[in-house]
PDB file of N, CA and C in Angstrom:
ATOM      1  N   MET A   1     -14.588  25.850  -9.250  1.00  0.00           N
ATOM      2  CA  MET A   1     -14.240  24.537  -9.362  1.00  0.00           C
ATOM      3  C   MET A   1     -12.774  24.633  -9.043  1.00  0.00           C
ATOM      4  N   THR A   2     -12.298  23.428  -8.502  1.00  0.00           N
ATOM      5  CA  THR A   2     -10.897  23.415  -8.092  1.00  0.00           C
ATOM      6  C   THR A   2     -10.325  22.110  -8.400  1.00  0.00           C
ATOM      7  N   LEU A   3      -9.194  22.014  -9.168  1.00  0.00           N
ATOM      8  CA  LEU A   3      -8.425  20.911  -9.500  1.00  0.00           C
ATOM      9  C   LEU A   3      -7.765  20.536  -8.266  1.00  0.00           C
ATOM     10  N   ASN A   4      -8.218  19.327  -7.983  1.00  0.00           N
ATOM     11  CA  ASN A   4      -7.500  18.760  -6.455  1.00  0.00           C
ATOM     12  C   ASN A   4      -6.919  17.628  -6.437  1.00  0.00           C
ATOM     13  N   HIS A   5      -6.658  17.001  -7.760  1.00  0.00           N
ATOM     14  CA  HIS A   5      -5.583  15.947  -7.669  1.00  0.00           C
ATOM     15  C   HIS A   5      -5.247  15.412  -9.129  1.00  0.00           C
ATOM     16  N   ILE A   6      -4.282  14.733  -9.216  1.00  0.00           N
ATOM     17  CA  ILE A   6      -3.746  14.144 -10.451  1.00  0.00           C
ATOM     18  C   ILE A   6      -3.069  12.710 -10.080  1.00  0.00           C
ATOM     19  N   ASN A   7      -3.251  11.852 -11.064  1.00  0.00           N
ATOM     20  CA  ASN A   7      -2.757  10.408 -10.917  1.00  0.00           C
ATOM     21  C   ASN A   7      -1.951  10.314 -12.070  1.00  0.00           C
ATOM     22  N   LEU A   8      -0.515  10.048 -11.549  1.00  0.00           N
ATOM     23  CA  LEU A   8       0.524   9.840 -12.477  1.00  0.00           C
ATOM     24  C   LEU A   8       0.987   8.374 -12.243  1.00  0.00           C
ATOM     25  N   PRO A   9       0.787   7.701 -13.526  1.00  0.00           N
ATOM     26  CA  PRO A   9       1.349   6.274 -13.434  1.00  0.00           C
ATOM     27  C   PRO A   9       2.915   6.338 -13.807  1.00  0.00           C
ATOM     28  N   VAL A  10       3.652   5.672 -12.848  1.00  0.00           N
ATOM     29  CA  VAL A  10       4.941   5.660 -12.720  1.00  0.00           C
ATOM     30  C   VAL A  10       5.561   4.273 -13.021  1.00  0.00           C
ATOM     31  N   ARG A  11       6.852   3.952 -13.220  1.00  0.00           N
ATOM     32  CA  ARG A  11       7.404   2.579 -13.197  1.00  0.00           C
ATOM     33  C   ARG A  11       7.519   2.236 -11.708  1.00  0.00           C
ATOM     34  N   ASP A  12       8.321   3.125 -10.836  1.00  0.00           N
ATOM     35  CA  ASP A  12       8.708   2.903  -9.752  1.00  0.00           C
ATOM     36  C   ASP A  12       8.250   3.847  -8.632  1.00  0.00           C
ATOM     37  N   VAL A  13       7.007   3.212  -7.909  1.00  0.00           N
ATOM     38  CA  VAL A  13       6.377   3.995  -6.992  1.00  0.00           C
ATOM     39  C   VAL A  13       7.328   4.606  -5.929  1.00  0.00           C
ATOM     40  N   PRO A  14       7.900   3.681  -5.233  1.00  0.00           N
ATOM     41  CA  PRO A  14       8.694   4.084  -4.153  1.00  0.00           C
ATOM     42  C   PRO A  14       9.781   5.165  -4.493  1.00  0.00           C
ATOM     43  N   ALA A  15      10.483   5.241  -5.596  1.00  0.00           N
ATOM     44  CA  ALA A  15      11.427   6.060  -5.995  1.00  0.00           C
ATOM     45  C   ALA A  15      10.846   7.422  -6.323  1.00  0.00           C
ATOM     46  N   ALA A  16       9.742   7.425  -6.990  1.00  0.00           N
ATOM     47  CA  ALA A  16       8.851   8.608  -7.381  1.00  0.00           C
ATOM     48  C   ALA A  16       8.373   9.184  -6.092  1.00  0.00           C
ATOM     49  N   ARG A  17       7.810   8.371  -5.257  1.00  0.00           N
ATOM     50  CA  ARG A  17       7.336   8.958  -3.823  1.00  0.00           C
ATOM     51  C   ARG A  17       8.579   9.788  -3.255  1.00  0.00           C
ATOM     52  N   SER A  18       9.647   9.019  -3.019  1.00  0.00           N
ATOM     53  CA  SER A  18      10.730   9.741  -2.499  1.00  0.00           C
ATOM     54  C   SER A  18      11.213  10.797  -3.252  1.00  0.00           C
ATOM     55  N   PHE A  19      11.048  11.026  -4.473  1.00  0.00           N
ATOM     56  CA  PHE A  19      11.536  11.991  -5.251  1.00  0.00           C
ATOM     57  C   PHE A  19      10.615  13.364  -5.027  1.00  0.00           C
ATOM     58  N   PHE A  20       9.332  13.303  -5.059  1.00  0.00           N
ATOM     59  CA  PHE A  20       8.242  14.293  -4.891  1.00  0.00           C
ATOM     60  C   PHE A  20       8.220  14.665  -3.460  1.00  0.00           C
ATOM     61  N   GLU A  21       8.823  13.869  -2.333  1.00  0.00           N
ATOM     62  CA  GLU A  21       8.761  14.248  -1.082  1.00  0.00           C
ATOM     63  C   GLU A  21      10.202  15.087  -0.982  1.00  0.00           C
ATOM     64  N   ALA A  22      11.047  14.734  -1.616  1.00  0.00           N
ATOM     65  CA  ALA A  22      12.513  15.339  -1.190  1.00  0.00           C
ATOM     66  C   ALA A  22      12.407  16.641  -2.043  1.00  0.00           C
ATOM     67  N   TYR A  23      11.964  16.862  -3.203  1.00  0.00           N
ATOM     68  CA  TYR A  23      12.177  17.962  -4.007  1.00  0.00           C
ATOM     69  C   TYR A  23      10.955  18.888  -4.018  1.00  0.00           C
ATOM     70  N   PHE A  24       9.594  18.242  -3.820  1.00  0.00           N
ATOM     71  CA  PHE A  24       8.428  19.342  -3.844  1.00  0.00           C
ATOM     72  C   PHE A  24       7.496  19.250  -2.598  1.00  0.00           C
ATOM     73  N   ASN A  25       8.243  18.868  -1.514  1.00  0.00           N
ATOM     74  CA  ASN A  25       7.499  18.961  -0.179  1.00  0.00           C
ATOM     75  C   ASN A  25       6.314  18.105  -0.110  1.00  0.00           C
ATOM     76  N   PHE A  26       5.912  16.854  -0.957  1.00  0.00           N
ATOM     77  CA  PHE A  26       4.697  16.215  -0.846  1.00  0.00           C
ATOM     78  C   PHE A  26       4.960  15.333   0.451  1.00  0.00           C
ATOM     79  N   THR A  27       3.788  14.988   1.121  1.00  0.00           N
ATOM     80  CA  THR A  27       3.922  14.216   2.450  1.00  0.00           C
ATOM     81  C   THR A  27       3.040  12.972   2.117  1.00  0.00           C
ATOM     82  N   PRO A  28       3.503  11.831   2.647  1.00  0.00           N
ATOM     83  CA  PRO A  28       2.518  10.760   2.357  1.00  0.00           C
ATOM     84  C   PRO A  28       1.058  10.780   3.057  1.00  0.00           C
ATOM     85  N   ALA A  29       0.250  10.488   2.390  1.00  0.00           N
ATOM     86  CA  ALA A  29      -1.183  10.271   2.999  1.00  0.00           C
ATOM     87  C   ALA A  29      -1.490   8.964   3.517  1.00  0.00           C
ATOM     88  N   ASP A  30      -0.708   7.963   3.015  1.00  0.00           N
ATOM     89  CA  ASP A  30      -1.265   6.586   3.176  1.00  0.00           C
ATOM     90  C   ASP A  30      -0.089   6.159   4.259  1.00  0.00           C
ATOM     91  N   SER A  31      -0.536   5.291   5.124  1.00  0.00           N
ATOM     92  CA  SER A  31       0.247   5.056   6.162  1.00  0.00           C
ATOM     93  C   SER A  31       1.217   3.737   6.070  1.00  0.00           C
ATOM     94  N   LYS A  32       0.735   3.028   4.979  1.00  0.00           N
ATOM     95  CA  LYS A  32       1.698   1.747   4.716  1.00  0.00           C
ATOM     96  C   LYS A  32       2.115   1.891   3.202  1.00  0.00           C
ATOM     97  N   PRO A  33       3.325   2.612   3.007  1.00  0.00           N
ATOM     98  CA  PRO A  33       4.089   2.721   1.703  1.00  0.00           C
ATOM     99  C   PRO A  33       3.949   1.267   0.892  1.00  0.00           C
ATOM    100  N   ASN A  34       3.845   1.337  -0.333  1.00  0.00           N
ATOM    101  CA  ASN A  34       3.964  -0.042  -1.055  1.00  0.00           C
ATOM    102  C   ASN A  34       4.369   0.303  -2.450  1.00  0.00           C
ATOM    103  N   ASP A  35       4.640  -0.524  -3.485  1.00  0.00           N
ATOM    104  CA  ASP A  35       5.123  -0.299  -4.580  1.00  0.00           C
ATOM    105  C   ASP A  35       3.944  -0.327  -5.532  1.00  0.00           C
ATOM    106  N   THR A  36       2.659  -0.111  -5.185  1.00  0.00           N
ATOM    107  CA  THR A  36       1.631  -0.286  -6.311  1.00  0.00           C
ATOM    108  C   THR A  36       0.977   1.214  -6.355  1.00  0.00           C
ATOM    109  N   LEU A  37       0.885   2.086  -5.307  1.00  0.00           N
ATOM    110  CA  LEU A  37       0.193   3.273  -5.005  1.00  0.00           C
ATOM    111  C   LEU A  37       0.641   4.097  -3.869  1.00  0.00           C
ATOM    112  N   ALA A  38       0.886   5.422  -4.221  1.00  0.00           N
ATOM    113  CA  ALA A  38       1.121   6.379  -3.288  1.00  0.00           C
ATOM    114  C   ALA A  38       0.306   7.588  -3.398  1.00  0.00           C
ATOM    115  N   VAL A  39      -0.402   7.641  -2.361  1.00  0.00           N
ATOM    116  CA  VAL A  39      -1.163   9.210  -2.158  1.00  0.00           C
ATOM    117  C   VAL A  39      -0.339   9.976  -1.291  1.00  0.00           C
ATOM    118  N   MET A  40      -0.274  11.255  -1.850  1.00  0.00           N
ATOM    119  CA  MET A  40       0.473  12.164  -1.200  1.00  0.00           C
ATOM    120  C   MET A  40      -0.141  13.515  -1.348  1.00  0.00           C
ATOM    121  N   ASN A  41       0.070  14.292  -0.109  1.00  0.00           N
ATOM    122  CA  ASN A  41      -0.467  15.580  -0.007  1.00  0.00           C
ATOM    123  C   ASN A  41       0.485  16.620  -0.475  1.00  0.00           C
ATOM    124  N   GLY A  42      -0.024  17.670  -0.797  1.00  0.00           N
ATOM    125  CA  GLY A  42       0.704  18.814  -1.298  1.00  0.00           C
ATOM    126  C   GLY A  42       0.195  20.153  -0.745  1.00  0.00           C
ATOM    127  N   LYS A  43       0.739  21.223  -1.256  1.00  0.00           N
ATOM    128  CA  LYS A  43       0.251  22.576  -0.846  1.00  0.00           C
ATOM    129  C   LYS A  43      -1.146  22.924  -1.065  1.00  0.00           C
ATOM    130  N   ASP A  44      -2.033  23.479  -0.602  1.00  0.00           N
ATOM    131  CA  ASP A  44      -3.219  23.867  -0.925  1.00  0.00           C
ATOM    132  C   ASP A  44      -4.131  22.678  -1.012  1.00  0.00           C
ATOM    133  N   ASP A  45      -3.975  21.598  -0.218  1.00  0.00           N
ATOM    134  CA  ASP A  45      -4.810  20.615  -0.198  1.00  0.00           C
ATOM    135  C   ASP A  45      -4.791  19.786  -1.514  1.00  0.00           C
ATOM    136  N   PHE A  46      -3.869  20.022  -2.336  1.00  0.00           N
ATOM    137  CA  PHE A  46      -3.588  19.096  -3.597  1.00  0.00           C
ATOM    138  C   PHE A  46      -3.103  17.799  -3.328  1.00  0.00           C
ATOM    139  N   VAL A  47      -3.677  16.736  -3.951  1.00  0.00           N
ATOM    140  CA  VAL A  47      -3.347  15.369  -3.748  1.00  0.00           C
ATOM    141  C   VAL A  47      -2.672  14.916  -5.031  1.00  0.00           C
ATOM    142  N   LEU A  48      -1.431  14.466  -4.750  1.00  0.00           N
ATOM    143  CA  LEU A  48      -0.867  13.576  -5.823  1.00  0.00           C
ATOM    144  C   LEU A  48      -0.759  12.227  -5.721  1.00  0.00           C
ATOM    145  N   VAL A  49      -1.345  11.337  -6.792  1.00  0.00           N
ATOM    146  CA  VAL A  49      -1.377   9.995  -6.965  1.00  0.00           C
ATOM    147  C   VAL A  49      -0.496   9.473  -7.651  1.00  0.00           C
ATOM    148  N   LEU A  50       0.560   8.612  -7.101  1.00  0.00           N
ATOM    149  CA  LEU A  50       1.400   7.931  -7.973  1.00  0.00           C
ATOM    150  C   LEU A  50       1.071   6.492  -8.005  1.00  0.00           C
ATOM    151  N   MET A  51       0.753   5.974  -9.102  1.00  0.00           N
ATOM    152  CA  MET A  51       0.116   4.605  -9.485  1.00  0.00           C
ATOM    153  C   MET A  51       1.190   3.789 -10.169  1.00  0.00           C
ATOM    154  N   ASN A  52       1.324   2.557 -10.084  1.00  0.00           N
ATOM    155  CA  ASN A  52       2.475   1.970 -10.774  1.00  0.00           C
ATOM    156  C   ASN A  52       1.735   1.592 -12.208  1.00  0.00           C
ATOM    157  N   GLN A  53       2.477   1.870 -13.119  1.00  0.00           N
ATOM    158  CA  GLN A  53       2.139   1.682 -14.608  1.00  0.00           C
ATOM    159  C   GLN A  53       1.549   0.306 -14.971  1.00  0.00           C
ATOM    160  N   ARG A  54       1.985  -0.588 -14.157  1.00  0.00           N
ATOM    161  CA  ARG A  54       1.323  -1.916 -14.481  1.00  0.00           C
ATOM    162  C   ARG A  54      -0.184  -2.036 -14.371  1.00  0.00           C
ATOM    163  N   LEU A  55      -0.860  -1.123 -13.658  1.00  0.00           N
ATOM    164  CA  LEU A  55      -2.189  -0.936 -13.254  1.00  0.00           C
ATOM    165  C   LEU A  55      -2.877  -0.387 -14.606  1.00  0.00           C
ATOM    166  N   ASN A  56      -2.199  -0.020 -15.522  1.00  0.00           N
ATOM    167  CA  ASN A  56      -2.727   0.570 -16.991  1.00  0.00           C
ATOM    168  C   ASN A  56      -3.452  -0.603 -17.449  1.00  0.00           C
ATOM    169  N   GLU A  57      -5.013  -0.465 -17.567  1.00  0.00           N
ATOM    170  CA  GLU A  57      -5.684  -1.677 -17.934  1.00  0.00           C
ATOM    171  C   GLU A  57      -5.199  -2.117 -19.386  1.00  0.00           C
ATOM    172  N   ASN A  58      -4.972  -0.999 -20.439  1.00  0.00           N
ATOM    173  CA  ASN A  58      -4.590  -1.256 -21.782  1.00  0.00           C
ATOM    174  C   ASN A  58      -3.109  -1.221 -22.119  1.00  0.00           C
ATOM    175  N   GLY A  59      -2.458  -1.318 -20.934  1.00  0.00           N
ATOM    176  CA  GLY A  59      -0.940  -1.494 -21.206  1.00  0.00           C
ATOM    177  C   GLY A  59      -0.376  -0.062 -21.800  1.00  0.00           C
ATOM    178  N   ASN A  60      -0.960   0.912 -21.826  1.00  0.00           N
ATOM    179  CA  ASN A  60      -0.341   1.999 -22.288  1.00  0.00           C
ATOM    180  C   ASN A  60       0.556   2.797 -21.198  1.00  0.00           C
ATOM    181  N   HIS A  61       1.755   2.825 -21.619  1.00  0.00           N
ATOM    182  CA  HIS A  61       2.741   3.359 -20.339  1.00  0.00           C
ATOM    183  C   HIS A  61       3.391   4.866 -20.821  1.00  0.00           C
ATOM    184  N   GLY A  62       2.854   5.227 -22.113  1.00  0.00           N
ATOM    185  CA  GLY A  62       3.515   6.567 -22.340  1.00  0.00           C
ATOM    186  C   GLY A  62       2.550   7.702 -21.985  1.00  0.00           C
ATOM    187  N   TYR A  63       3.513   8.859 -22.261  1.00  0.00           N
ATOM    188  CA  TYR A  63       2.710  10.100 -21.981  1.00  0.00           C
ATOM    189  C   TYR A  63       2.775  11.023 -23.421  1.00  0.00           C
ATOM    190  N   PRO A  64       1.876  11.571 -23.664  1.00  0.00           N
ATOM    191  CA  PRO A  64       2.012  12.747 -24.996  1.00  0.00           C
ATOM    192  C   PRO A  64       3.407  13.429 -24.876  1.00  0.00           C
ATOM    193  N   ASP A  65       4.103  13.737 -26.173  1.00  0.00           N
ATOM    194  CA  ASP A  65       5.246  14.319 -25.989  1.00  0.00           C
ATOM    195  C   ASP A  65       5.119  15.632 -25.214  1.00  0.00           C
ATOM    196  N   ALA A  66       4.126  16.392 -25.326  1.00  0.00           N
ATOM    197  CA  ALA A  66       4.083  17.805 -24.655  1.00  0.00           C
ATOM    198  C   ALA A  66       3.611  17.761 -23.154  1.00  0.00           C
ATOM    199  N   PHE A  67       3.229  16.566 -22.788  1.00  0.00           N
ATOM    200  CA  PHE A  67       2.590  16.392 -21.394  1.00  0.00           C
ATOM    201  C   PHE A  67       3.620  16.783 -20.390  1.00  0.00           C
ATOM    202  N   HIS A  68       3.317  17.795 -19.479  1.00  0.00           N
ATOM    203  CA  HIS A  68       4.087  17.980 -18.475  1.00  0.00           C
ATOM    204  C   HIS A  68       3.391  18.522 -17.035  1.00  0.00           C
ATOM    205  N   ILE A  69       3.850  18.343 -16.052  1.00  0.00           N
ATOM    206  CA  ILE A  69       3.396  19.179 -14.690  1.00  0.00           C
ATOM    207  C   ILE A  69       4.274  20.344 -14.340  1.00  0.00           C
ATOM    208  N   GLY A  70       3.732  21.177 -13.734  1.00  0.00           N
ATOM    209  CA  GLY A  70       4.711  22.256 -13.539  1.00  0.00           C
ATOM    210  C   GLY A  70       4.585  22.788 -11.982  1.00  0.00           C
ATOM    211  N   PHE A  71       5.538  23.422 -11.411  1.00  0.00           N
ATOM    212  CA  PHE A  71       5.658  23.704 -10.254  1.00  0.00           C
ATOM    213  C   PHE A  71       6.051  25.199 -10.121  1.00  0.00           C
ATOM    214  N   PHE A  72       5.544  26.159  -9.586  1.00  0.00           N
ATOM    215  CA  PHE A  72       5.908  27.667  -9.464  1.00  0.00           C
ATOM    216  C   PHE A  72       6.473  27.956  -8.193  1.00  0.00           C
ATOM    217  N   LEU A  73       7.642  28.568  -8.297  1.00  0.00           N
ATOM    218  CA  LEU A  73       8.175  28.967  -7.052  1.00  0.00           C
ATOM    219  C   LEU A  73       8.133  30.568  -7.016  1.00  0.00           C
ATOM    220  N   SER A  74       8.633  31.159  -5.755  1.00  0.00           N
ATOM    221  CA  SER A  74       8.328  32.572  -5.828  1.00  0.00           C
ATOM    222  C   SER A  74       9.461  33.416  -6.398  1.00  0.00           C
ATOM    223  N   ALA A  75      10.779  32.903  -6.592  1.00  0.00           N
ATOM    224  CA  ALA A  75      11.825  33.857  -6.949  1.00  0.00           C
ATOM    225  C   ALA A  75      12.821  33.054  -7.756  1.00  0.00           C
ATOM    226  N   GLU A  76      13.567  33.563  -8.652  1.00  0.00           N
ATOM    227  CA  GLU A  76      14.701  33.150  -9.320  1.00  0.00           C
ATOM    228  C   GLU A  76      15.708  32.383  -8.536  1.00  0.00           C
ATOM    229  N   THR A  77      15.853  32.993  -7.409  1.00  0.00           N
ATOM    230  CA  THR A  77      16.650  32.386  -6.585  1.00  0.00           C
ATOM    231  C   THR A  77      16.299  30.932  -6.077  1.00  0.00           C
ATOM    232  N   GLU A  78      15.036  30.635  -5.946  1.00  0.00           N
ATOM    233  CA  GLU A  78      14.483  29.452  -5.694  1.00  0.00           C
ATOM    234  C   GLU A  78      14.701  28.574  -6.781  1.00  0.00           C
ATOM    235  N   VAL A  79      14.313  29.014  -7.721  1.00  0.00           N
ATOM    236  CA  VAL A  79      14.527  28.024  -8.998  1.00  0.00           C
ATOM    237  C   VAL A  79      15.804  27.577  -9.255  1.00  0.00           C
ATOM    238  N   GLN A  80      16.896  28.570  -9.060  1.00  0.00           N
ATOM    239  CA  GLN A  80      18.333  28.276  -9.463  1.00  0.00           C
ATOM    240  C   GLN A  80      18.639  27.251  -8.145  1.00  0.00           C
ATOM    241  N   ALA A  81      18.150  27.572  -6.829  1.00  0.00           N
ATOM    242  CA  ALA A  81      18.544  26.483  -6.045  1.00  0.00           C
ATOM    243  C   ALA A  81      17.893  25.101  -6.185  1.00  0.00           C
ATOM    244  N   LEU A  82      16.920  24.985  -6.701  1.00  0.00           N
ATOM    245  CA  LEU A  82      16.398  23.718  -6.812  1.00  0.00           C
ATOM    246  C   LEU A  82      16.931  23.133  -7.849  1.00  0.00           C
ATOM    247  N   TYR A  83      17.478  23.697  -8.964  1.00  0.00           N
ATOM    248  CA  TYR A  83      18.104  23.329 -10.112  1.00  0.00           C
ATOM    249  C   TYR A  83      19.415  22.758  -9.610  1.00  0.00           C
ATOM    250  N   ASN A  84      20.323  23.605  -8.758  1.00  0.00           N
ATOM    251  CA  ASN A  84      21.442  23.164  -8.440  1.00  0.00           C
ATOM    252  C   ASN A  84      21.354  22.019  -7.418  1.00  0.00           C
ATOM    253  N   ARG A  85      20.290  21.783  -6.756  1.00  0.00           N
ATOM    254  CA  ARG A  85      20.117  20.641  -5.857  1.00  0.00           C
ATOM    255  C   ARG A  85      19.875  19.270  -6.644  1.00  0.00           C
ATOM    256  N   LEU A  86      19.032  19.674  -7.794  1.00  0.00           N
ATOM    257  CA  LEU A  86      18.938  18.254  -8.480  1.00  0.00           C
ATOM    258  C   LEU A  86      20.059  17.965  -9.167  1.00  0.00           C
ATOM    259  N   ILE A  87      20.966  18.857  -9.836  1.00  0.00           N
ATOM    260  CA  ILE A  87      21.966  18.536 -10.351  1.00  0.00           C
ATOM    261  C   ILE A  87      23.176  17.743  -9.209  1.00  0.00           C
ATOM    262  N   GLN A  88      23.241  18.622  -8.097  1.00  0.00           N
ATOM    263  CA  GLN A  88      24.118  17.786  -7.201  1.00  0.00           C
ATOM    264  C   GLN A  88      23.775  16.488  -6.573  1.00  0.00           C
ATOM    265  N   ASP A  89      22.497  16.329  -6.509  1.00  0.00           N
ATOM    266  CA  ASP A  89      22.007  14.830  -6.209  1.00  0.00           C
ATOM    267  C   ASP A  89      22.171  13.899  -7.420  1.00  0.00           C
ATOM    268  N   GLY A  90      22.807  14.190  -8.685  1.00  0.00           N
ATOM    269  CA  GLY A  90      22.844  13.364  -9.579  1.00  0.00           C
ATOM    270  C   GLY A  90      21.868  13.358 -10.690  1.00  0.00           C
ATOM    271  N   HIS A  91      20.777  14.065 -10.643  1.00  0.00           N
ATOM    272  CA  HIS A  91      19.845  14.220 -11.830  1.00  0.00           C
ATOM    273  C   HIS A  91      20.404  14.757 -13.069  1.00  0.00           C
ATOM    274  N   THR A  92      20.026  14.169 -14.199  1.00  0.00           N
ATOM    275  CA  THR A  92      20.411  14.597 -15.503  1.00  0.00           C
ATOM    276  C   THR A  92      19.488  15.818 -16.040  1.00  0.00           C
ATOM    277  N   LEU A  93      20.048  17.019 -16.045  1.00  0.00           N
ATOM    278  CA  LEU A  93      19.140  18.129 -16.579  1.00  0.00           C
ATOM    279  C   LEU A  93      19.636  18.728 -17.725  1.00  0.00           C
ATOM    280  N   GLU A  94      19.024  18.603 -18.834  1.00  0.00           N
ATOM    281  CA  GLU A  94      19.550  18.952 -20.068  1.00  0.00           C
ATOM    282  C   GLU A  94      19.489  20.729 -20.337  1.00  0.00           C
ATOM    283  N   GLN A  95      18.679  21.172 -19.470  1.00  0.00           N
ATOM    284  CA  GLN A  95      18.453  22.697 -19.631  1.00  0.00           C
ATOM    285  C   GLN A  95      18.752  23.427 -18.480  1.00  0.00           C
ATOM    286  N   GLN A  96      19.344  24.709 -18.458  1.00  0.00           N
ATOM    287  CA  GLN A  96      19.742  25.251 -17.386  1.00  0.00           C
ATOM    288  C   GLN A  96      18.462  26.331 -17.120  1.00  0.00           C
ATOM    289  N   PRO A  97      18.279  26.775 -16.117  1.00  0.00           N
ATOM    290  CA  PRO A  97      17.229  27.782 -15.738  1.00  0.00           C
ATOM    291  C   PRO A  97      17.448  29.026 -16.723  1.00  0.00           C
ATOM    292  N   GLN A  98      16.348  29.488 -17.290  1.00  0.00           N
ATOM    293  CA  GLN A  98      16.410  30.824 -18.171  1.00  0.00           C
ATOM    294  C   GLN A  98      15.040  31.363 -18.199  1.00  0.00           C
ATOM    295  N   ARG A  99      15.032  32.416 -18.925  1.00  0.00           N
ATOM    296  CA  ARG A  99      13.836  33.054 -19.148  1.00  0.00           C
ATOM    297  C   ARG A  99      13.082  32.357 -20.296  1.00  0.00           C
ATOM    298  N   ILE A 100      11.703  32.162 -19.951  1.00  0.00           N
ATOM    299  CA  ILE A 100      10.802  31.281 -20.804  1.00  0.00           C
ATOM    300  C   ILE A 100       9.503  32.149 -20.913  1.00  0.00           C
ATOM    301  N   ARG A 101       9.104  32.854 -21.853  1.00  0.00           N
ATOM    302  CA  ARG A 101       8.104  33.719 -21.991  1.00  0.00           C
ATOM    303  C   ARG A 101       7.993  34.857 -20.754  1.00  0.00           C
ATOM    304  N   ARG A 102       7.055  34.605 -19.811  1.00  0.00           N
ATOM    305  CA  ARG A 102       6.865  35.538 -18.652  1.00  0.00           C
ATOM    306  C   ARG A 102       7.355  34.817 -17.404  1.00  0.00           C
ATOM    307  N   THR A 103       8.157  33.842 -17.556  1.00  0.00           N
ATOM    308  CA  THR A 103       8.844  32.945 -16.436  1.00  0.00           C
ATOM    309  C   THR A 103      10.412  32.860 -16.606  1.00  0.00           C
ATOM    310  N   PHE A 104      10.839  32.681 -15.380  1.00  0.00           N
ATOM    311  CA  PHE A 104      12.205  32.153 -15.300  1.00  0.00           C
ATOM    312  C   PHE A 104      12.146  30.596 -14.732  1.00  0.00           C
ATOM    313  N   GLY A 105      12.730  29.734 -15.638  1.00  0.00           N
ATOM    314  CA  GLY A 105      12.591  28.332 -15.173  1.00  0.00           C
ATOM    315  C   GLY A 105      13.457  27.335 -16.076  1.00  0.00           C
ATOM    316  N   PHE A 106      13.079  26.137 -15.892  1.00  0.00           N
ATOM    317  CA  PHE A 106      13.596  24.848 -16.672  1.00  0.00           C
ATOM    318  C   PHE A 106      12.703  23.686 -16.736  1.00  0.00           C
ATOM    319  N   TYR A 107      12.784  23.074 -17.805  1.00  0.00           N
ATOM    320  CA  TYR A 107      12.330  21.542 -17.672  1.00  0.00           C
ATOM    321  C   TYR A 107      13.272  20.541 -17.759  1.00  0.00           C
ATOM    322  N   PHE A 108      12.659  19.409 -16.906  1.00  0.00           N
ATOM    323  CA  PHE A 108      13.459  18.170 -16.981  1.00  0.00           C
ATOM    324  C   PHE A 108      12.599  17.109 -17.114  1.00  0.00           C
ATOM    325  N   LYS A 109      13.237  15.908 -17.617  1.00  0.00           N
ATOM    326  CA  LYS A 109      12.347  14.728 -17.838  1.00  0.00           C
ATOM    327  C   LYS A 109      12.378  13.883 -16.391  1.00  0.00           C
ATOM    328  N   TYR A 110      11.517  13.367 -15.907  1.00  0.00           N
ATOM    329  CA  TYR A 110      11.300  12.555 -14.847  1.00  0.00           C
ATOM    330  C   TYR A 110      10.512  11.360 -15.350  1.00  0.00           C
ATOM    331  N   GLU A 111      11.130  10.128 -15.413  1.00  0.00           N
ATOM    332  CA  GLU A 111      10.497   8.720 -15.741  1.00  0.00           C
ATOM    333  C   GLU A 111      10.089   9.079 -17.301  1.00  0.00           C
ATOM    334  N   ALA A 112       8.893   9.343 -17.536  1.00  0.00           N
ATOM    335  CA  ALA A 112       8.255   9.324 -18.912  1.00  0.00           C
ATOM    336  C   ALA A 112       7.701  10.515 -19.119  1.00  0.00           C
ATOM    337  N   PHE A 113       7.795  11.533 -18.309  1.00  0.00           N
ATOM    338  CA  PHE A 113       7.052  12.979 -18.169  1.00  0.00           C
ATOM    339  C   PHE A 113       8.000  13.974 -18.050  1.00  0.00           C
ATOM    340  N   MET A 114       7.656  15.258 -18.290  1.00  0.00           N
ATOM    341  CA  MET A 114       8.239  16.340 -18.076  1.00  0.00           C
ATOM    342  C   MET A 114       8.022  16.930 -16.874  1.00  0.00           C
ATOM    343  N   ILE A 115       8.850  17.733 -16.134  1.00  0.00           N
ATOM    344  CA  ILE A 115       8.481  18.513 -15.182  1.00  0.00           C
ATOM    345  C   ILE A 115       9.030  20.183 -15.423  1.00  0.00           C
ATOM    346  N   GLU A 116       8.205  20.885 -15.058  1.00  0.00           N
ATOM    347  CA  GLU A 116       8.524  22.342 -15.344  1.00  0.00           C
ATOM    348  C   GLU A 116       8.640  22.990 -13.784  1.00  0.00           C
ATOM    349  N   ILE A 117       9.816  23.721 -13.756  1.00  0.00           N
ATOM    350  CA  ILE A 117      10.049  24.521 -12.422  1.00  0.00           C
ATOM    351  C   ILE A 117      10.234  26.037 -12.825  1.00  0.00           C
ATOM    352  N   ALA A 118       9.547  26.816 -12.518  1.00  0.00           N
ATOM    353  CA  ALA A 118       9.465  28.299 -12.849  1.00  0.00           C
ATOM    354  C   ALA A 118       9.037  29.240 -11.841  1.00  0.00           C
ATOM    355  N   CYS A 119       9.309  30.450 -12.043  1.00  0.00           N
ATOM    356  CA  CYS A 119       8.755  31.604 -11.209  1.00  0.00           C
ATOM    357  C   CYS A 119       8.308  32.598 -12.270  1.00  0.00           C
ATOM    358  N   PRO A 120       7.402  33.346 -11.872  1.00  0.00           N
ATOM    359  CA  PRO A 120       7.085  34.795 -12.689  1.00  0.00           C
ATOM    360  C   PRO A 120       8.136  35.664 -12.698  1.00  0.00           C
ATOM    361  N   VAL A 121       8.208  36.272 -13.778  1.00  0.00           N
ATOM    362  CA  VAL A 121       9.190  37.496 -13.937  1.00  0.00           C
ATOM    363  C   VAL A 121       8.457  38.745 -14.481  1.00  0.00           C
ATOM    364  N   ALA A 122       9.007  39.918 -14.178  1.00  0.00           N
ATOM    365  CA  ALA A 122       8.292  41.058 -14.650  1.00  0.00           C
ATOM    366  C   ALA A 122       8.683  41.426 -15.979  1.00  0.00           C
ATOM    367  N   ASN A 123       7.669  42.105 -16.626  1.00  0.00           N
ATOM    368  CA  ASN A 123       7.967  42.188 -18.084  1.00  0.00           C
ATOM    369  C   ASN A 123       9.349  43.230 -18.331  1.00  0.00           C
TER     370      ASN A 123
END
């Protein structure tokens, strides 16, 4: 069994679409971008769906405190480079890359959820 997609409700679909394109190499799967829904293709046929939070039927716009999505890179230099690029582009990151258990990485908040960027490290 393979996890093949995730649907993330966001406040601003166009901004989130641009963010995931710029930093995580997702490409649009839909030919007509709009502010309600974006379907994006990622590595290994993974699909990211960004849905405007106004479509939540019960009005729940929050994520649990520990909810996060994670991206693994191949090397510490890649983690550091992405961190530096995010900082250079004006994103607020409260944590610098560091060793976290058996990884080297960092967490940061995007809209209402956390994103983890990491790579494996040897023991």
